[in-house]
């Protein structure tokens, strides 16, 4: 099948650069990555990942984290599990 359709989108340069770096690490061009995404949308008949509206607790956590509040810093996984009481 010949490729004759064009997709144009505006995107933040930093996001574009980071995503394209990952595509390159995976051995994909941007066109291949977009095609892969579209194929998955077609196969799943929807987005190939879950999308959800954050609940009140999650929104508060995002807000607190963005503001630098209630952040727990751990040295390693053992420290994290210890602080979680696990």
N, C-alpha and C. Protein backbone atom coordinates (compact mmCIF):
# COMPACT_ATOMS: atom_id res chain seq x y z
N UNK A 1 0.84 -1.17 0.00
CA UNK A 1 0.00 0.00 0.00
C UNK A 1 0.90 1.24 0.00
N UNK A 2 0.60 2.18 -0.87
CA UNK A 2 1.43 3.38 -0.94
C UNK A 2 1.06 4.35 0.18
N UNK A 3 2.06 5.07 0.61
CA UNK A 3 1.86 6.04 1.69
C UNK A 3 1.66 7.41 1.06
N UNK A 4 0.42 7.90 1.12
CA UNK A 4 0.14 9.20 0.50
C UNK A 4 -0.50 10.20 1.45
N UNK A 5 -0.82 9.81 2.66
CA UNK A 5 -1.42 10.73 3.62
C UNK A 5 -0.34 11.35 4.49
N UNK A 6 -0.57 12.58 4.87
CA UNK A 6 0.38 13.32 5.71
C UNK A 6 -0.29 13.69 7.02
N UNK A 7 0.48 13.62 8.09
CA UNK A 7 0.01 14.04 9.41
C UNK A 7 0.87 15.24 9.82
N UNK A 8 0.22 16.31 10.27
CA UNK A 8 0.95 17.47 10.77
C UNK A 8 0.41 17.78 12.15
N UNK A 9 1.32 18.00 13.08
CA UNK A 9 0.89 18.32 14.44
C UNK A 9 1.93 19.23 15.08
N UNK A 10 1.47 20.13 15.90
CA UNK A 10 2.38 20.98 16.67
C UNK A 10 2.58 20.31 18.02
N UNK A 11 3.83 20.28 18.47
CA UNK A 11 4.16 19.61 19.72
C UNK A 11 5.31 20.36 20.38
N UNK A 12 5.39 20.29 21.69
CA UNK A 12 6.47 20.96 22.41
C UNK A 12 7.81 20.39 21.96
N UNK A 13 8.77 21.25 21.63
CA UNK A 13 10.07 20.77 21.13
C UNK A 13 10.77 19.80 22.09
N UNK A 14 10.69 20.05 23.39
CA UNK A 14 11.35 19.17 24.36
C UNK A 14 10.74 17.77 24.34
N UNK A 15 9.42 17.70 24.30
CA UNK A 15 8.73 16.41 24.23
C UNK A 15 9.08 15.68 22.94
N UNK A 16 9.10 16.41 21.85
CA UNK A 16 9.44 15.83 20.55
C UNK A 16 10.84 15.23 20.58
N UNK A 17 11.78 16.00 21.11
CA UNK A 17 13.17 15.53 21.17
C UNK A 17 13.32 14.28 22.04
N UNK A 18 12.68 14.29 23.20
CA UNK A 18 12.77 13.13 24.10
C UNK A 18 12.15 11.89 23.46
N UNK A 19 10.98 12.06 22.84
CA UNK A 19 10.31 10.92 22.20
C UNK A 19 11.15 10.40 21.04
N UNK A 20 11.70 11.29 20.21
CA UNK A 20 12.49 10.86 19.07
C UNK A 20 13.78 10.16 19.51
N UNK A 21 14.33 10.57 20.63
CA UNK A 21 15.50 9.88 21.17
C UNK A 21 15.14 8.44 21.52
N UNK A 22 13.98 8.26 22.16
CA UNK A 22 13.53 6.91 22.53
C UNK A 22 13.25 6.09 21.27
N UNK A 23 12.59 6.70 20.27
CA UNK A 23 12.35 5.98 19.01
C UNK A 23 13.66 5.49 18.43
N UNK A 24 14.67 6.36 18.43
CA UNK A 24 15.97 5.99 17.87
C UNK A 24 16.58 4.82 18.65
N UNK A 25 16.48 4.87 19.98
CA UNK A 25 16.99 3.78 20.81
C UNK A 25 16.27 2.46 20.49
N UNK A 26 15.00 2.56 20.10
CA UNK A 26 14.22 1.37 19.75
C UNK A 26 14.41 0.96 18.29
N UNK A 27 15.17 1.76 17.54
CA UNK A 27 15.41 1.45 16.13
C UNK A 27 14.24 1.85 15.24
N UNK A 28 13.46 2.83 15.67
CA UNK A 28 12.30 3.29 14.91
C UNK A 28 12.49 4.71 14.43
N UNK A 29 11.95 5.00 13.26
CA UNK A 29 11.84 6.39 12.83
C UNK A 29 10.55 6.95 13.44
N UNK A 30 10.40 8.26 13.39
CA UNK A 30 9.17 8.86 13.89
C UNK A 30 7.98 8.37 13.08
N UNK A 31 8.14 8.24 11.78
CA UNK A 31 7.06 7.74 10.93
C UNK A 31 6.68 6.32 11.33
N UNK A 32 7.64 5.47 11.58
CA UNK A 32 7.35 4.10 12.00
C UNK A 32 6.63 4.08 13.35
N UNK A 33 7.05 4.95 14.28
CA UNK A 33 6.41 5.01 15.59
C UNK A 33 4.95 5.47 15.48
N UNK A 34 4.70 6.46 14.65
CA UNK A 34 3.34 6.94 14.45
C UNK A 34 2.49 5.86 13.79
N UNK A 35 3.06 5.17 12.80
CA UNK A 35 2.35 4.08 12.13
C UNK A 35 2.02 2.97 13.13
N UNK A 36 2.97 2.65 13.99
CA UNK A 36 2.75 1.64 15.03
C UNK A 36 1.60 2.05 15.95
N UNK A 37 1.60 3.31 16.36
CA UNK A 37 0.52 3.82 17.21
C UNK A 37 -0.83 3.70 16.49
N UNK A 38 -0.90 4.14 15.25
CA UNK A 38 -2.14 4.07 14.49
C UNK A 38 -2.61 2.62 14.32
N UNK A 39 -1.68 1.70 14.07
CA UNK A 39 -2.03 0.29 13.93
C UNK A 39 -2.63 -0.25 15.22
N UNK A 40 -2.05 0.13 16.35
CA UNK A 40 -2.58 -0.31 17.63
C UNK A 40 -3.97 0.26 17.89
N UNK A 41 -4.19 1.51 17.51
CA UNK A 41 -5.51 2.12 17.64
C UNK A 41 -6.51 1.33 16.80
N UNK A 42 -6.11 0.99 15.58
CA UNK A 42 -6.98 0.21 14.69
C UNK A 42 -7.29 -1.17 15.29
N UNK A 43 -6.26 -1.87 15.76
CA UNK A 43 -6.44 -3.21 16.30
C UNK A 43 -7.30 -3.23 17.55
N UNK A 44 -7.09 -2.25 18.43
CA UNK A 44 -7.81 -2.21 19.71
C UNK A 44 -9.13 -1.45 19.62
N UNK A 45 -9.32 -0.80 18.47
CA UNK A 45 -10.52 0.03 18.27
C UNK A 45 -10.65 1.09 19.36
N UNK A 46 -9.52 1.67 19.70
CA UNK A 46 -9.45 2.72 20.72
C UNK A 46 -7.99 2.98 21.03
N UNK A 47 -7.75 3.79 22.01
CA UNK A 47 -6.37 4.07 22.39
C UNK A 47 -5.72 2.82 22.96
N UNK A 48 -4.44 2.60 22.65
CA UNK A 48 -3.77 1.37 23.11
C UNK A 48 -3.26 1.44 24.55
N UNK A 49 -3.83 2.32 25.34
CA UNK A 49 -3.47 2.44 26.75
C UNK A 49 -4.65 3.03 27.48
N UNK A 50 -4.71 2.83 28.79
CA UNK A 50 -5.82 3.33 29.59
C UNK A 50 -5.70 4.83 29.79
N UNK A 51 -6.82 5.49 29.68
CA UNK A 51 -6.92 6.93 29.96
C UNK A 51 -7.97 7.08 31.05
N UNK A 52 -7.66 7.82 32.08
CA UNK A 52 -8.61 8.00 33.17
C UNK A 52 -8.51 9.42 33.70
N UNK A 53 -9.61 9.93 34.16
CA UNK A 53 -9.63 11.23 34.81
C UNK A 53 -9.19 11.00 36.26
N UNK A 54 -8.15 11.69 36.70
CA UNK A 54 -7.67 11.46 38.06
C UNK A 54 -8.74 11.79 39.10
N UNK A 55 -8.80 10.95 40.15
CA UNK A 55 -9.75 11.23 41.22
C UNK A 55 -9.20 12.33 42.12
N UNK A 56 -9.99 12.72 43.12
CA UNK A 56 -9.62 13.84 44.00
C UNK A 56 -8.28 13.59 44.69
N UNK A 57 -8.06 12.39 45.19
CA UNK A 57 -6.81 12.06 45.89
C UNK A 57 -5.61 12.16 44.94
N UNK A 58 -5.77 11.64 43.74
CA UNK A 58 -4.68 11.68 42.77
C UNK A 58 -4.37 13.12 42.36
N UNK A 59 -5.42 13.93 42.12
CA UNK A 59 -5.21 15.34 41.76
C UNK A 59 -4.48 16.08 42.88
N UNK A 60 -4.86 15.81 44.15
CA UNK A 60 -4.18 16.45 45.28
C UNK A 60 -2.72 16.02 45.35
N UNK A 61 -2.47 14.74 45.13
CA UNK A 61 -1.10 14.23 45.14
C UNK A 61 -0.27 14.90 44.06
N UNK A 62 -0.82 15.02 42.84
CA UNK A 62 -0.11 15.71 41.75
C UNK A 62 0.19 17.15 42.14
N UNK A 63 -0.80 17.83 42.69
CA UNK A 63 -0.65 19.22 43.08
C UNK A 63 0.43 19.37 44.16
N UNK A 64 0.36 18.51 45.18
CA UNK A 64 1.34 18.56 46.27
C UNK A 64 2.75 18.28 45.76
N UNK A 65 2.87 17.28 44.90
CA UNK A 65 4.18 16.93 44.36
C UNK A 65 4.74 18.07 43.53
N UNK A 66 3.90 18.66 42.68
CA UNK A 66 4.35 19.79 41.85
C UNK A 66 4.82 20.95 42.72
N UNK A 67 4.19 21.12 43.88
CA UNK A 67 4.56 22.20 44.79
C UNK A 67 5.70 21.80 45.74
N UNK A 68 6.17 20.56 45.63
CA UNK A 68 7.27 20.11 46.48
C UNK A 68 6.84 19.72 47.89
N UNK A 69 5.54 19.46 48.09
CA UNK A 69 5.04 19.09 49.41
C UNK A 69 4.90 17.57 49.53
N UNK A 70 5.09 17.09 50.75
CA UNK A 70 4.86 15.67 51.07
C UNK A 70 5.65 14.70 50.19
N UNK A 71 6.87 15.07 49.85
CA UNK A 71 7.72 14.20 49.04
C UNK A 71 8.63 13.41 49.97
N UNK A 72 8.66 12.12 49.78
CA UNK A 72 9.52 11.24 50.56
C UNK A 72 10.65 10.78 49.65
N UNK A 73 11.87 11.03 50.05
CA UNK A 73 13.03 10.64 49.25
C UNK A 73 13.67 9.42 49.90
N UNK A 74 13.92 8.42 49.07
CA UNK A 74 14.49 7.16 49.55
C UNK A 74 15.86 6.94 48.92
N UNK A 75 16.76 6.35 49.70
CA UNK A 75 18.11 6.06 49.21
C UNK A 75 18.10 4.93 48.19
N UNK A 76 17.24 3.95 48.42
CA UNK A 76 17.17 2.78 47.55
C UNK A 76 15.85 2.06 47.82
N UNK A 77 15.65 0.92 47.15
CA UNK A 77 14.39 0.20 47.33
C UNK A 77 14.19 -0.29 48.76
N UNK A 78 15.27 -0.75 49.41
CA UNK A 78 15.14 -1.20 50.80
C UNK A 78 14.67 -0.07 51.69
N UNK A 79 15.23 1.12 51.51
CA UNK A 79 14.82 2.29 52.28
C UNK A 79 13.35 2.62 52.00
N UNK A 80 12.94 2.53 50.74
CA UNK A 80 11.55 2.82 50.37
C UNK A 80 10.60 1.83 51.06
N UNK A 81 10.91 0.53 50.96
CA UNK A 81 10.04 -0.47 51.58
C UNK A 81 10.00 -0.28 53.10
N UNK A 82 11.12 0.08 53.70
CA UNK A 82 11.18 0.33 55.14
C UNK A 82 10.26 1.50 55.50
N UNK A 83 10.34 2.58 54.72
CA UNK A 83 9.50 3.75 55.01
C UNK A 83 8.02 3.45 54.78
N UNK A 84 7.74 2.53 53.86
CA UNK A 84 6.35 2.13 53.61
C UNK A 84 5.86 1.09 54.62
N UNK A 85 6.79 0.55 55.42
CA UNK A 85 6.42 -0.45 56.40
C UNK A 85 6.14 -1.81 55.78
N UNK A 86 6.79 -2.05 54.68
CA UNK A 86 6.60 -3.33 53.98
C UNK A 86 7.78 -4.24 54.22
